[in-house]
C-alpha cells in the first residue's frame, strides 16, 4: 500500500504477468479462421471509429506521457501537474492516457486553471480506472489504437519519467517524426537525471551509426517548464500558426460532440 496515495501500488508481477483476457490471446497466436479475422478487423475498425468520434473536436492537443505509478507527493507528479497548467493556459487541450500517476497529474493541472482535459484509457486485467480530472475519456482495448489517438490529435509531446509503456509511446512519436509520417512536432523529455542513461544510449547509437546525429535534435531534454513551453511555442505554436480551439457545432454524420457537451 502506498500511504501517500492511499492505494495499493501494483507489484511488477501484477503488471507484467497478469493473464490476458481469453478473447485477446488468439490475437497474439498467429492466423485464425478467416471469419474470426474479419470480425477482429471490424472490431479494430470500430474502436478506431469510436476514438475519432470522441476526439474529433478536442484539439489542438499536447499529449503528456509518463508512469502511472508516481504518487501525488512525488516531484515528478508535481512537475507534470505544473506542465498541465502551462499547456492549458496556452490554449491547448491536455491529452493523456487517462490513468493515475503522471497522467492524472497533467490532467489535474489542466483543471487547476480551467483548461480542457481528455484521457484515452486502456482496458487492462487489473482495471486501470480513468482519473477524476477528465472532461472526456474513452477506454480502448488495443494499445496500438490508443497510440494512434494519443498521436493523431497532438502538436507536441511531453514525456515524463516512465516505464515500458512510456518508452513505447516516446519512440512511436520519435519514429513517426524521423520517418516523416507526422510533422516535426516537439518531443520534450522532462526529468533530465532520469533520462540520463537514455541520452547516453542514444549517443552510443550515433557512434554505432544506427541513428544520425541530427536525429538527436528530435528530442529536447529539460527540467524547466519555461524551457519546455518556449520549445513548444517555437516548434509548434508559431511554426504551425496554432490557435486555441473554438467549440464547433457537431454537424457531421458521425455525431461528434464538442468538448464540454
C-alpha atoms as a PDB file:
ATOM      1  CA  UNK A   1       0.000   0.000   0.000  1.00  0.00           C
ATOM      2  CA  UNK A   2       1.279   3.476  -0.871  1.00  0.00           C
ATOM      3  CA  UNK A   3       0.368   5.591   2.206  1.00  0.00           C
ATOM      4  CA  UNK A   4       0.755   8.892   0.357  1.00  0.00           C
ATOM      5  CA  UNK A   5      -1.591   7.978  -2.454  1.00  0.00           C
ATOM      6  CA  UNK A   6      -3.907   5.863  -0.326  1.00  0.00           C
ATOM      7  CA  UNK A   7      -3.966   2.988  -2.789  1.00  0.00           C
ATOM      8  CA  UNK A   8      -2.113  -0.217  -3.436  1.00  0.00           C
ATOM      9  CA  UNK A   9       0.910   0.005  -5.726  1.00  0.00           C
ATOM     10  CA  UNK A  10       0.910  -2.924  -8.187  1.00  0.00           C
ATOM     11  CA  UNK A  11       3.863  -5.261  -7.918  1.00  0.00           C
ATOM     12  CA  UNK A  12       5.784  -5.792 -11.154  1.00  0.00           C
ATOM     13  CA  UNK A  13       4.316  -9.282 -11.460  1.00  0.00           C
ATOM     14  CA  UNK A  14       0.819  -7.810 -11.431  1.00  0.00           C
ATOM     15  CA  UNK A  15       1.666  -5.510 -14.337  1.00  0.00           C
ATOM     16  CA  UNK A  16       3.737  -7.915 -16.398  1.00  0.00           C
ATOM     17  CA  UNK A  17       2.330 -11.379 -15.753  1.00  0.00           C
ATOM     18  CA  UNK A  18      -1.408 -10.966 -15.307  1.00  0.00           C
ATOM     19  CA  UNK A  19      -3.097 -13.327 -17.790  1.00  0.00           C
ATOM     20  CA  UNK A  20      -4.699 -11.671 -20.800  1.00  0.00           C
ATOM     21  CA  UNK A  21      -8.462 -11.911 -21.259  1.00  0.00           C
ATOM     22  CA  UNK A  22      -9.223 -15.107 -23.164  1.00  0.00           C
ATOM     23  CA  UNK A  23     -10.552 -13.245 -26.220  1.00  0.00           C
ATOM     24  CA  UNK A  24      -7.233 -11.393 -26.685  1.00  0.00           C
ATOM     25  CA  UNK A  25      -4.974 -14.433 -26.546  1.00  0.00           C
ATOM     26  CA  UNK A  26      -5.898 -15.663 -30.093  1.00  0.00           C
ATOM     27  CA  UNK A  27      -4.949 -12.208 -31.443  1.00  0.00           C
ATOM     28  CA  UNK A  28      -1.354 -12.917 -30.387  1.00  0.00           C
ATOM     29  CA  UNK A  29      -1.204 -16.537 -31.565  1.00  0.00           C
ATOM     30  CA  UNK A  30      -0.961 -16.100 -35.309  1.00  0.00           C
ATOM     31  CA  UNK A  31      -3.609 -16.627 -38.003  1.00  0.00           C
ATOM     32  CA  UNK A  32      -7.141 -17.673 -37.058  1.00  0.00           C
ATOM     33  CA  UNK A  33     -10.034 -18.634 -39.298  1.00  0.00           C
ATOM     34  CA  UNK A  34     -10.941 -16.089 -41.940  1.00  0.00           C
ATOM     35  CA  UNK A  35     -14.288 -15.351 -40.292  1.00  0.00           C
ATOM     36  CA  UNK A  36     -12.589 -14.694 -36.955  1.00  0.00           C
ATOM     37  CA  UNK A  37     -10.005 -12.455 -38.588  1.00  0.00           C
ATOM     38  CA  UNK A  38     -12.726 -10.476 -40.355  1.00  0.00           C
ATOM     39  CA  UNK A  39     -14.614  -9.978 -37.093  1.00  0.00           C
ATOM     40  CA  UNK A  40     -11.411  -8.870 -35.383  1.00  0.00           C
ATOM     41  CA  UNK A  41     -10.674  -6.393 -38.179  1.00  0.00           C
ATOM     42  CA  UNK A  42     -14.184  -4.976 -37.829  1.00  0.00           C
ATOM     43  CA  UNK A  43     -13.727  -4.716 -34.066  1.00  0.00           C
ATOM     44  CA  UNK A  44     -10.469  -2.794 -34.573  1.00  0.00           C
ATOM     45  CA  UNK A  45     -12.130  -0.531 -37.141  1.00  0.00           C
ATOM     46  CA  UNK A  46     -14.996   0.082 -34.714  1.00  0.00           C
ATOM     47  CA  UNK A  47     -12.553   1.059 -31.989  1.00  0.00           C
ATOM     48  CA  UNK A  48     -10.774   3.470 -34.325  1.00  0.00           C
ATOM     49  CA  UNK A  49     -14.107   4.975 -35.334  1.00  0.00           C
ATOM     50  CA  UNK A  50     -15.138   5.380 -31.710  1.00  0.00           C
ATOM     51  CA  UNK A  51     -11.876   7.173 -30.983  1.00  0.00           C
ATOM     52  CA  UNK A  52     -12.289   9.509 -33.954  1.00  0.00           C
ATOM     53  CA  UNK A  53     -15.828  10.369 -32.851  1.00  0.00           C
ATOM     54  CA  UNK A  54     -14.817  11.056 -29.253  1.00  0.00           C
ATOM     55  CA  UNK A  55     -11.762  13.176 -30.033  1.00  0.00           C
ATOM     56  CA  UNK A  56     -12.713  14.975 -33.251  1.00  0.00           C
ATOM     57  CA  UNK A  57     -13.361  18.326 -31.561  1.00  0.00           C
ATOM     58  CA  UNK A  58     -10.924  18.250 -28.635  1.00  0.00           C
ATOM     59  CA  UNK A  59      -7.792  19.715 -30.274  1.00  0.00           C
ATOM     60  CA  UNK A  60      -5.313  21.116 -30.695  1.00  0.00           C
ATOM     61  CA  UNK A  61      -3.775  18.909 -28.013  1.00  0.00           C
ATOM     62  CA  UNK A  62      -0.475  18.354 -26.270  1.00  0.00           C
ATOM     63  CA  UNK A  63      -0.020  14.782 -25.096  1.00  0.00           C
ATOM     64  CA  UNK A  64       1.713  14.081 -21.790  1.00  0.00           C
ATOM     65  CA  UNK A  65       3.211  10.602 -21.392  1.00  0.00           C
ATOM     66  CA  UNK A  66       4.501   9.143 -18.133  1.00  0.00           C
ATOM     67  CA  UNK A  67       4.273   6.469 -15.484  1.00  0.00           C
ATOM     68  CA  UNK A  68       1.041   5.511 -13.759  1.00  0.00           C
ATOM     69  CA  UNK A  69       2.981   4.662 -10.575  1.00  0.00           C
ATOM     70  CA  UNK A  70       4.062   8.023  -9.151  1.00  0.00           C
ATOM     71  CA  UNK A  71       2.020   9.179  -6.109  1.00  0.00           C
ATOM     72  CA  UNK A  72       0.753  12.725  -5.662  1.00  0.00           C
ATOM     73  CA  UNK A  73       3.620  13.720  -3.353  1.00  0.00           C
ATOM     74  CA  UNK A  74       6.348  12.778  -5.839  1.00  0.00           C
ATOM     75  CA  UNK A  75       8.356  15.584  -7.533  1.00  0.00           C
ATOM     76  CA  UNK A  76       7.643  14.119 -10.972  1.00  0.00           C
ATOM     77  CA  UNK A  77       3.902  14.283 -10.247  1.00  0.00           C
ATOM     78  CA  UNK A  78       4.125  17.948  -9.312  1.00  0.00           C
ATOM     79  CA  UNK A  79       6.237  18.749 -12.392  1.00  0.00           C
ATOM     80  CA  UNK A  80       3.655  17.050 -14.620  1.00  0.00           C
ATOM     81  CA  UNK A  81       0.877  18.974 -12.876  1.00  0.00           C
ATOM     82  CA  UNK A  82       2.677  22.251 -13.495  1.00  0.00           C
ATOM     83  CA  UNK A  83       3.125  21.326 -17.165  1.00  0.00           C
ATOM     84  CA  UNK A  84      -0.586  20.601 -17.350  1.00  0.00           C
ATOM     85  CA  UNK A  85      -1.276  24.110 -16.062  1.00  0.00           C
ATOM     86  CA  UNK A  86       1.148  25.707 -18.524  1.00  0.00           C
ATOM     87  CA  UNK A  87      -0.164  23.752 -21.507  1.00  0.00           C
ATOM     88  CA  UNK A  88      -3.785  24.571 -20.672  1.00  0.00           C
ATOM     89  CA  UNK A  89      -3.065  28.274 -20.150  1.00  0.00           C
ATOM     90  CA  UNK A  90      -1.556  28.370 -23.648  1.00  0.00           C
ATOM     91  CA  UNK A  91      -4.881  27.175 -25.049  1.00  0.00           C
ATOM     92  CA  UNK A  92      -4.070  23.520 -25.710  1.00  0.00           C
ATOM     93  CA  UNK A  93      -6.112  20.566 -24.556  1.00  0.00           C
ATOM     94  CA  UNK A  94      -4.109  18.313 -22.241  1.00  0.00           C
ATOM     95  CA  UNK A  95      -4.327  14.749 -23.579  1.00  0.00           C
ATOM     96  CA  UNK A  96      -3.063  11.745 -21.590  1.00  0.00           C
ATOM     97  CA  UNK A  97      -3.559   8.036 -21.238  1.00  0.00           C
ATOM     98  CA  UNK A  98      -6.253   8.879 -18.702  1.00  0.00           C
ATOM     99  CA  UNK A  99      -4.892   6.813 -15.814  1.00  0.00           C
ATOM    100  CA  UNK A 100      -3.237   7.608 -12.466  1.00  0.00           C
ATOM    101  CA  UNK A 101       0.253   8.928 -11.695  1.00  0.00           C
ATOM    102  CA  UNK A 102       1.759  11.301 -14.258  1.00  0.00           C
ATOM    103  CA  UNK A 103      -1.371  11.130 -16.405  1.00  0.00           C
ATOM    104  CA  UNK A 104      -3.552  12.206 -13.509  1.00  0.00           C
ATOM    105  CA  UNK A 105      -1.104  14.974 -12.628  1.00  0.00           C
ATOM    106  CA  UNK A 106      -1.187  16.534 -16.100  1.00  0.00           C
ATOM    107  CA  UNK A 107      -4.980  16.324 -16.322  1.00  0.00           C
ATOM    108  CA  UNK A 108      -5.243  17.767 -12.820  1.00  0.00           C
ATOM    109  CA  UNK A 109      -3.007  20.678 -13.764  1.00  0.00           C
ATOM    110  CA  UNK A 110      -5.260  21.491 -16.707  1.00  0.00           C
ATOM    111  CA  UNK A 111      -8.298  21.537 -14.438  1.00  0.00           C
ATOM    112  CA  UNK A 112      -6.454  23.731 -11.910  1.00  0.00           C
ATOM    113  CA  UNK A 113      -6.588  26.576 -14.425  1.00  0.00           C
ATOM    114  CA  UNK A 114      -9.930  25.783 -16.052  1.00  0.00           C
ATOM    115  CA  UNK A 115      -8.370  24.137 -19.107  1.00  0.00           C
ATOM    116  CA  UNK A 116      -9.540  21.221 -21.227  1.00  0.00           C
ATOM    117  CA  UNK A 117      -8.547  17.741 -20.087  1.00  0.00           C
ATOM    118  CA  UNK A 118      -9.014  14.497 -22.033  1.00  0.00           C
ATOM    119  CA  UNK A 119      -7.890  10.900 -21.491  1.00  0.00           C
ATOM    120  CA  UNK A 120      -7.595   7.779 -23.644  1.00  0.00           C
ATOM    121  CA  UNK A 121      -7.690   4.955 -21.127  1.00  0.00           C
ATOM    122  CA  UNK A 122      -6.778   1.313 -21.755  1.00  0.00           C
ATOM    123  CA  UNK A 123      -8.661  -1.771 -20.572  1.00  0.00           C
ATOM    124  CA  UNK A 124      -6.220  -3.845 -18.514  1.00  0.00           C
ATOM    125  CA  UNK A 125      -6.646  -7.036 -16.479  1.00  0.00           C
ATOM    126  CA  UNK A 126      -6.008  -5.082 -13.271  1.00  0.00           C
ATOM    127  CA  UNK A 127      -8.642  -2.441 -14.184  1.00  0.00           C
ATOM    128  CA  UNK A 128      -6.908   0.890 -14.711  1.00  0.00           C
ATOM    129  CA  UNK A 129      -9.636   3.408 -13.921  1.00  0.00           C
ATOM    130  CA  UNK A 130      -9.854   6.863 -15.548  1.00  0.00           C
ATOM    131  CA  UNK A 131      -8.579   9.582 -13.231  1.00  0.00           C
ATOM    132  CA  UNK A 132     -11.098  12.099 -11.814  1.00  0.00           C
ATOM    133  CA  UNK A 133      -9.728  15.169 -13.665  1.00  0.00           C
ATOM    134  CA  UNK A 134     -11.059  14.417 -17.146  1.00  0.00           C
ATOM    135  CA  UNK A 135     -13.654  16.356 -19.132  1.00  0.00           C
ATOM    136  CA  UNK A 136     -13.917  13.430 -21.516  1.00  0.00           C
ATOM    137  CA  UNK A 137     -12.395   9.999 -21.805  1.00  0.00           C
ATOM    138  CA  UNK A 138     -12.757   6.770 -23.680  1.00  0.00           C
ATOM    139  CA  UNK A 139     -11.475   3.322 -22.803  1.00  0.00           C
ATOM    140  CA  UNK A 140      -9.937   1.200 -25.552  1.00  0.00           C
ATOM    141  CA  UNK A 141      -8.859  -2.443 -25.626  1.00  0.00           C
ATOM    142  CA  UNK A 142      -5.983  -2.236 -28.137  1.00  0.00           C
ATOM    143  CA  UNK A 143      -2.775  -0.435 -27.217  1.00  0.00           C
ATOM    144  CA  UNK A 144      -1.966   0.343 -30.850  1.00  0.00           C
ATOM    145  CA  UNK A 145      -5.326   2.064 -31.339  1.00  0.00           C
ATOM    146  CA  UNK A 146      -4.716   4.046 -28.169  1.00  0.00           C
ATOM    147  CA  UNK A 147      -1.333   5.223 -29.504  1.00  0.00           C
ATOM    148  CA  UNK A 148      -2.981   6.344 -32.742  1.00  0.00           C
ATOM    149  CA  UNK A 149      -5.334   8.561 -30.722  1.00  0.00           C
ATOM    150  CA  UNK A 150      -2.606   9.978 -28.497  1.00  0.00           C
ATOM    151  CA  UNK A 151      -0.522  10.945 -31.544  1.00  0.00           C
ATOM    152  CA  UNK A 152      -3.179  11.928 -34.084  1.00  0.00           C
ATOM    153  CA  UNK A 153      -4.568  14.934 -32.204  1.00  0.00           C
ATOM    154  CA  UNK A 154      -1.320  16.311 -30.723  1.00  0.00           C
ATOM    155  CA  UNK A 155       1.054  19.037 -31.819  1.00  0.00           C
ATOM    156  CA  UNK A 156       3.654  18.361 -29.121  1.00  0.00           C
ATOM    157  CA  UNK A 157       4.608  15.543 -26.774  1.00  0.00           C
ATOM    158  CA  UNK A 158       5.797  15.941 -23.183  1.00  0.00           C
ATOM    159  CA  UNK A 159       7.463  12.771 -21.900  1.00  0.00           C
ATOM    160  CA  UNK A 160       7.798  12.443 -18.146  1.00  0.00           C
ATOM    161  CA  UNK A 161       9.655   9.576 -16.402  1.00  0.00           C
ATOM    162  CA  UNK A 162       8.002   6.234 -17.018  1.00  0.00           C
ATOM    163  CA  UNK A 163       8.463   2.575 -17.837  1.00  0.00           C
ATOM    164  CA  UNK A 164       7.921   0.287 -20.811  1.00  0.00           C
ATOM    165  CA  UNK A 165       4.685   1.963 -21.901  1.00  0.00           C
ATOM    166  CA  UNK A 166       6.202   5.439 -21.771  1.00  0.00           C
ATOM    167  CA  UNK A 167       9.232   4.327 -23.783  1.00  0.00           C
ATOM    168  CA  UNK A 168       6.917   2.695 -26.314  1.00  0.00           C
ATOM    169  CA  UNK A 169       4.962   5.937 -26.713  1.00  0.00           C
ATOM    170  CA  UNK A 170       8.127   8.055 -26.825  1.00  0.00           C
ATOM    171  CA  UNK A 171       9.741   6.062 -29.608  1.00  0.00           C
ATOM    172  CA  UNK A 172       6.471   5.723 -31.507  1.00  0.00           C
ATOM    173  CA  UNK A 173       6.286   9.529 -31.714  1.00  0.00           C
ATOM    174  CA  UNK A 174      10.015   9.916 -32.433  1.00  0.00           C
ATOM    175  CA  UNK A 175       9.950   7.268 -35.199  1.00  0.00           C
ATOM    176  CA  UNK A 176       6.925   8.829 -36.887  1.00  0.00           C
ATOM    177  CA  UNK A 177       8.664  12.217 -36.901  1.00  0.00           C
ATOM    178  CA  UNK A 178      12.016  10.744 -38.009  1.00  0.00           C
ATOM    179  CA  UNK A 179      10.388   8.976 -40.953  1.00  0.00           C
ATOM    180  CA  UNK A 180       8.218  11.935 -41.966  1.00  0.00           C
ATOM    181  CA  UNK A 181       4.929  10.194 -41.176  1.00  0.00           C
ATOM    182  CA  UNK A 182       3.898  13.138 -38.986  1.00  0.00           C
ATOM    183  CA  UNK A 183       5.097  16.720 -38.816  1.00  0.00           C
ATOM    184  CA  UNK A 184       8.241  17.654 -36.920  1.00  0.00           C
ATOM    185  CA  UNK A 185       6.422  18.359 -33.667  1.00  0.00           C
ATOM    186  CA  UNK A 186       8.455  18.871 -30.464  1.00  0.00           C
ATOM    187  CA  UNK A 187       9.177  15.882 -28.219  1.00  0.00           C
ATOM    188  CA  UNK A 188      10.177  17.172 -24.778  1.00  0.00           C
ATOM    189  CA  UNK A 189      11.596  14.817 -22.156  1.00  0.00           C
ATOM    190  CA  UNK A 190      11.388  16.179 -18.620  1.00  0.00           C
ATOM    191  CA  UNK A 191      13.403  14.763 -15.712  1.00  0.00           C
ATOM    192  CA  UNK A 192      16.952  15.030 -17.016  1.00  0.00           C
ATOM    193  CA  UNK A 193      18.556  12.814 -14.372  1.00  0.00           C
ATOM    194  CA  UNK A 194      16.016  10.065 -15.003  1.00  0.00           C
ATOM    195  CA  UNK A 195      16.640  10.218 -18.751  1.00  0.00           C
ATOM    196  CA  UNK A 196      20.447  10.476 -18.494  1.00  0.00           C
ATOM    197  CA  UNK A 197      21.032   6.750 -19.300  1.00  0.00           C
ATOM    198  CA  UNK A 198      18.779   7.107 -22.342  1.00  0.00           C
ATOM    199  CA  UNK A 199      20.797  10.073 -23.592  1.00  0.00           C
ATOM    200  CA  UNK A 200      23.963   8.030 -23.202  1.00  0.00           C
ATOM    201  CA  UNK A 201      22.371   5.137 -25.093  1.00  0.00           C
ATOM    202  CA  UNK A 202      21.318   7.452 -27.924  1.00  0.00           C
ATOM    203  CA  UNK A 203      24.830   8.915 -28.116  1.00  0.00           C
ATOM    204  CA  UNK A 204      26.173   5.361 -28.429  1.00  0.00           C
ATOM    205  CA  UNK A 205      23.691   4.673 -31.222  1.00  0.00           C
ATOM    206  CA  UNK A 206      25.045   7.687 -33.085  1.00  0.00           C
ATOM    207  CA  UNK A 207      28.605   6.344 -32.639  1.00  0.00           C
ATOM    208  CA  UNK A 208      27.487   2.952 -33.985  1.00  0.00           C
ATOM    209  CA  UNK A 209      25.751   4.580 -36.947  1.00  0.00           C
ATOM    210  CA  UNK A 210      22.277   3.201 -36.205  1.00  0.00           C
ATOM    211  CA  UNK A 211      20.838   6.726 -35.990  1.00  0.00           C
ATOM    212  CA  UNK A 212      22.049  10.051 -37.352  1.00  0.00           C
ATOM    213  CA  UNK A 213      23.336  12.788 -35.104  1.00  0.00           C
ATOM    214  CA  UNK A 214      20.552  15.005 -36.436  1.00  0.00           C
ATOM    215  CA  UNK A 215      18.027  12.500 -35.046  1.00  0.00           C
ATOM    216  CA  UNK A 216      19.016  13.654 -31.570  1.00  0.00           C
ATOM    217  CA  UNK A 217      17.593  17.056 -32.469  1.00  0.00           C
ATOM    218  CA  UNK A 218      14.127  15.480 -32.413  1.00  0.00           C
ATOM    219  CA  UNK A 219      14.315  15.305 -28.608  1.00  0.00           C
ATOM    220  CA  UNK A 220      14.584  18.132 -26.079  1.00  0.00           C
ATOM    221  CA  UNK A 221      15.740  17.259 -22.542  1.00  0.00           C
ATOM    222  CA  UNK A 222      14.920  19.725 -19.773  1.00  0.00           C
ATOM    223  CA  UNK A 223      13.698  20.148 -16.203  1.00  0.00           C
ATOM    224  CA  UNK A 224      12.359  23.639 -16.829  1.00  0.00           C
ATOM    225  CA  UNK A 225       8.682  24.270 -17.614  1.00  0.00           C
ATOM    226  CA  UNK A 226       9.746  27.638 -19.061  1.00  0.00           C
ATOM    227  CA  UNK A 227      12.169  25.972 -21.486  1.00  0.00           C
ATOM    228  CA  UNK A 228       9.621  23.305 -22.371  1.00  0.00           C
ATOM    229  CA  UNK A 229       6.971  25.890 -23.178  1.00  0.00           C
ATOM    230  CA  UNK A 230       9.446  28.022 -25.153  1.00  0.00           C
ATOM    231  CA  UNK A 231      10.323  24.977 -27.259  1.00  0.00           C
ATOM    232  CA  UNK A 232       6.637  24.247 -27.772  1.00  0.00           C
ATOM    233  CA  UNK A 233       5.980  27.858 -28.700  1.00  0.00           C
ATOM    234  CA  UNK A 234       8.752  27.954 -31.284  1.00  0.00           C
ATOM    235  CA  UNK A 235       8.371  24.469 -32.763  1.00  0.00           C
ATOM    236  CA  UNK A 236       4.591  24.095 -32.737  1.00  0.00           C
ATOM    237  CA  UNK A 237       2.587  27.233 -31.985  1.00  0.00           C
ATOM    238  CA  UNK A 238       4.366  29.754 -34.225  1.00  0.00           C
ATOM    239  CA  UNK A 239       5.537  27.280 -36.844  1.00  0.00           C
ATOM    240  CA  UNK A 240       2.083  25.855 -37.487  1.00  0.00           C
ATOM    241  CA  UNK A 241       0.170  29.034 -36.578  1.00  0.00           C
ATOM    242  CA  UNK A 242      -1.857  27.209 -33.950  1.00  0.00           C
ATOM    243  CA  UNK A 243      -4.827  28.918 -32.364  1.00  0.00           C
ATOM    244  CA  UNK A 244      -6.775  27.932 -29.250  1.00  0.00           C
ATOM    245  CA  UNK A 245      -9.588  25.538 -30.070  1.00  0.00           C
ATOM    246  CA  UNK A 246     -13.011  27.040 -30.719  1.00  0.00           C
ATOM    247  CA  UNK A 247     -16.040  24.873 -29.998  1.00  0.00           C
ATOM    248  CA  UNK A 248     -17.814  23.873 -33.205  1.00  0.00           C
ATOM    249  CA  UNK A 249     -21.274  22.511 -33.743  1.00  0.00           C
ATOM    250  CA  UNK A 250     -21.484  18.783 -34.355  1.00  0.00           C
ATOM    251  CA  UNK A 251     -22.910  18.666 -37.851  1.00  0.00           C
ATOM    252  CA  UNK A 252     -21.064  15.604 -39.052  1.00  0.00           C
ATOM    253  CA  UNK A 253     -22.667  12.288 -39.858  1.00  0.00           C
ATOM    254  CA  UNK A 254     -20.628  10.608 -37.080  1.00  0.00           C
ATOM    255  CA  UNK A 255     -22.387  12.823 -34.487  1.00  0.00           C
ATOM    256  CA  UNK A 256     -19.168  14.007 -32.867  1.00  0.00           C
ATOM    257  CA  UNK A 257     -19.664  16.121 -29.775  1.00  0.00           C
ATOM    258  CA  UNK A 258     -17.667  19.296 -28.998  1.00  0.00           C
ATOM    259  CA  UNK A 259     -15.797  19.120 -25.711  1.00  0.00           C
ATOM    260  CA  UNK A 260     -17.935  20.182 -22.775  1.00  0.00           C
ATOM    261  CA  UNK A 261     -21.183  18.819 -24.195  1.00  0.00           C
END
